[in-house]
Amino acid sequence: MLTSSPERISISNKSTIDMNKKTIQELIADGFFKLFSKTIWLKKFQSNSRQDGAFGRSDDLMNVISINEDIPTDNQEETLLHEVIHLIDANLGLKLTEEQTQGLSVGFYDFLRSNGLMD
């Protein structure tokens, strides 16, 4: 059973998630977050340091996500979600295609923005 208020979501009364803890931009600024009990490090790179024009890259062996610091904030946030989906895929062996990963990240980003779950 899922119950919610503007500040909290409770799932079956067993756990509570504080939705006001951090924004995606705060995660990026902090430089790390947790996923599957691992610390994932966030790094920024400049557009001119990559020739492929990528917005981001994830490395599941090193537990690092790199995000292009020269793209707009909205793109950085969606890119972080995209790269997190790559890490989830790698950890769970889902074998998602790039097209599936892109679709999930765009859809999940829109869900968060459209429902006031992120700034």
Protein backbone atom coordinates (compact mmCIF):
# COMPACT_ATOMS: atom_id res chain seq x y z
CA MET A 1 0.00 0.00 0.00
CA LEU A 2 1.35 3.39 -1.02
CA THR A 3 0.39 6.53 0.89
CA SER A 4 1.81 9.96 0.38
CA SER A 5 1.89 13.55 1.52
CA PRO A 6 3.79 16.43 -0.09
CA GLU A 7 6.86 15.61 2.01
CA ARG A 8 6.81 11.83 2.42
CA ILE A 9 5.89 8.62 0.71
CA SER A 10 5.16 5.59 2.88
CA ILE A 11 5.22 2.11 1.39
CA SER A 12 3.25 -0.44 3.43
CA ASN A 13 4.21 1.45 6.60
CA LYS A 14 7.58 -0.35 6.51
CA SER A 15 9.66 2.42 5.05
CA THR A 16 9.33 6.13 4.51
CA ILE A 17 11.09 8.10 1.83
CA ASP A 18 11.65 11.77 2.56
CA MET A 19 11.00 13.40 -0.82
CA ASN A 20 12.52 16.70 0.35
CA LYS A 21 15.96 15.28 1.10
CA LYS A 22 17.84 16.17 -2.09
CA THR A 23 17.27 17.45 -5.57
CA ILE A 24 19.04 15.93 -8.54
CA GLN A 25 21.18 19.07 -8.79
CA GLU A 26 22.18 18.66 -5.13
CA LEU A 27 23.21 15.06 -5.85
CA ILE A 28 25.30 16.26 -8.78
CA ALA A 29 26.86 19.00 -6.62
CA ASP A 30 27.60 16.53 -3.79
CA GLY A 31 29.46 14.31 -6.23
CA PHE A 32 28.09 10.95 -5.09
CA PHE A 33 24.98 8.92 -4.24
CA LYS A 34 24.12 5.35 -3.25
CA LEU A 35 22.76 2.63 -5.53
CA PHE A 36 22.57 -1.07 -4.59
CA SER A 37 24.61 -0.29 -1.45
CA LYS A 38 27.44 1.07 -3.60
CA THR A 39 28.75 4.62 -3.64
CA ILE A 40 28.41 6.00 -7.16
CA TRP A 41 30.74 8.91 -7.86
CA LEU A 42 29.58 11.80 -10.03
CA LYS A 43 32.03 13.72 -12.15
CA LYS A 44 31.57 16.53 -14.63
CA PHE A 45 33.41 16.97 -17.90
CA GLN A 46 33.53 19.77 -20.44
CA SER A 47 32.17 19.40 -23.96
CA ASN A 48 35.55 20.00 -25.55
CA SER A 49 37.06 17.08 -23.64
CA ARG A 50 34.87 14.55 -25.52
CA GLN A 51 34.79 14.11 -29.26
CA ASP A 52 31.61 11.99 -29.37
CA GLY A 53 29.25 14.74 -28.15
CA ALA A 54 27.94 12.55 -25.31
CA PHE A 55 25.94 14.15 -22.51
CA GLY A 56 27.08 11.50 -20.04
CA ARG A 57 28.75 8.18 -19.46
CA SER A 58 28.52 5.52 -16.77
CA ASP A 59 31.13 3.00 -15.69
CA ASP A 60 29.63 0.16 -13.66
CA LEU A 61 33.05 -1.31 -12.81
CA MET A 62 34.42 1.94 -11.36
CA ASN A 63 31.01 3.12 -10.03
CA VAL A 64 31.32 6.47 -11.78
CA ILE A 65 28.89 8.60 -13.75
CA SER A 66 30.27 11.51 -15.76
CA ILE A 67 28.01 14.34 -16.91
CA ASN A 68 28.72 17.12 -19.41
CA GLU A 69 28.81 20.35 -17.40
CA ASP A 70 28.22 22.49 -20.50
CA ILE A 71 24.67 21.30 -21.15
CA PRO A 72 21.59 22.96 -19.59
CA THR A 73 20.50 21.93 -16.09
CA ASP A 74 17.44 20.03 -17.36
CA ASN A 75 19.67 17.99 -19.66
CA GLN A 76 22.10 17.27 -16.80
CA GLU A 77 19.24 15.98 -14.64
CA GLU A 78 17.80 13.78 -17.38
CA THR A 79 21.31 12.57 -18.25
CA LEU A 80 21.89 11.53 -14.64
CA LEU A 81 18.66 9.50 -14.71
CA HIS A 82 19.72 7.97 -18.04
CA GLU A 83 23.11 6.93 -16.66
CA VAL A 84 21.53 5.58 -13.45
CA ILE A 85 19.31 3.38 -15.61
CA HIS A 86 22.46 2.07 -17.33
CA LEU A 87 23.89 1.18 -13.89
CA ILE A 88 20.64 -0.50 -12.83
CA ASP A 89 20.68 -2.43 -16.10
CA ALA A 90 24.30 -3.54 -15.55
CA ASN A 91 23.69 -4.56 -11.93
CA LEU A 92 20.52 -6.52 -12.68
CA GLY A 93 21.53 -7.92 -16.06
CA LEU A 94 18.44 -6.56 -17.80
CA LYS A 95 20.17 -6.16 -21.19
CA LEU A 96 18.31 -2.96 -22.10
CA THR A 97 19.05 -1.41 -25.47
CA GLU A 98 20.17 2.21 -25.70
CA GLU A 99 16.75 3.04 -27.15
CA GLN A 100 14.98 1.43 -24.17
CA THR A 101 17.29 3.23 -21.72
CA GLN A 102 16.61 6.55 -23.45
CA GLY A 103 12.86 5.98 -23.40
CA LEU A 104 12.85 5.07 -19.72
CA SER A 105 14.97 8.07 -18.72
CA VAL A 106 12.85 10.54 -20.69
CA GLY A 107 9.62 9.04 -19.32
CA PHE A 108 10.83 8.88 -15.73
CA TYR A 109 12.19 12.45 -15.92
CA ASP A 110 8.84 13.68 -17.25
CA PHE A 111 7.00 11.80 -14.46
CA LEU A 112 9.17 13.45 -11.78
CA ARG A 113 8.84 16.95 -13.29
CA SER A 114 5.12 16.71 -14.11
CA ASN A 115 4.20 15.62 -10.60
CA GLY A 116 6.28 18.14 -8.66
CA LEU A 117 8.72 15.51 -7.39
CA MET A 118 11.66 17.63 -8.49
CA ASP A 119 12.27 21.32 -9.10
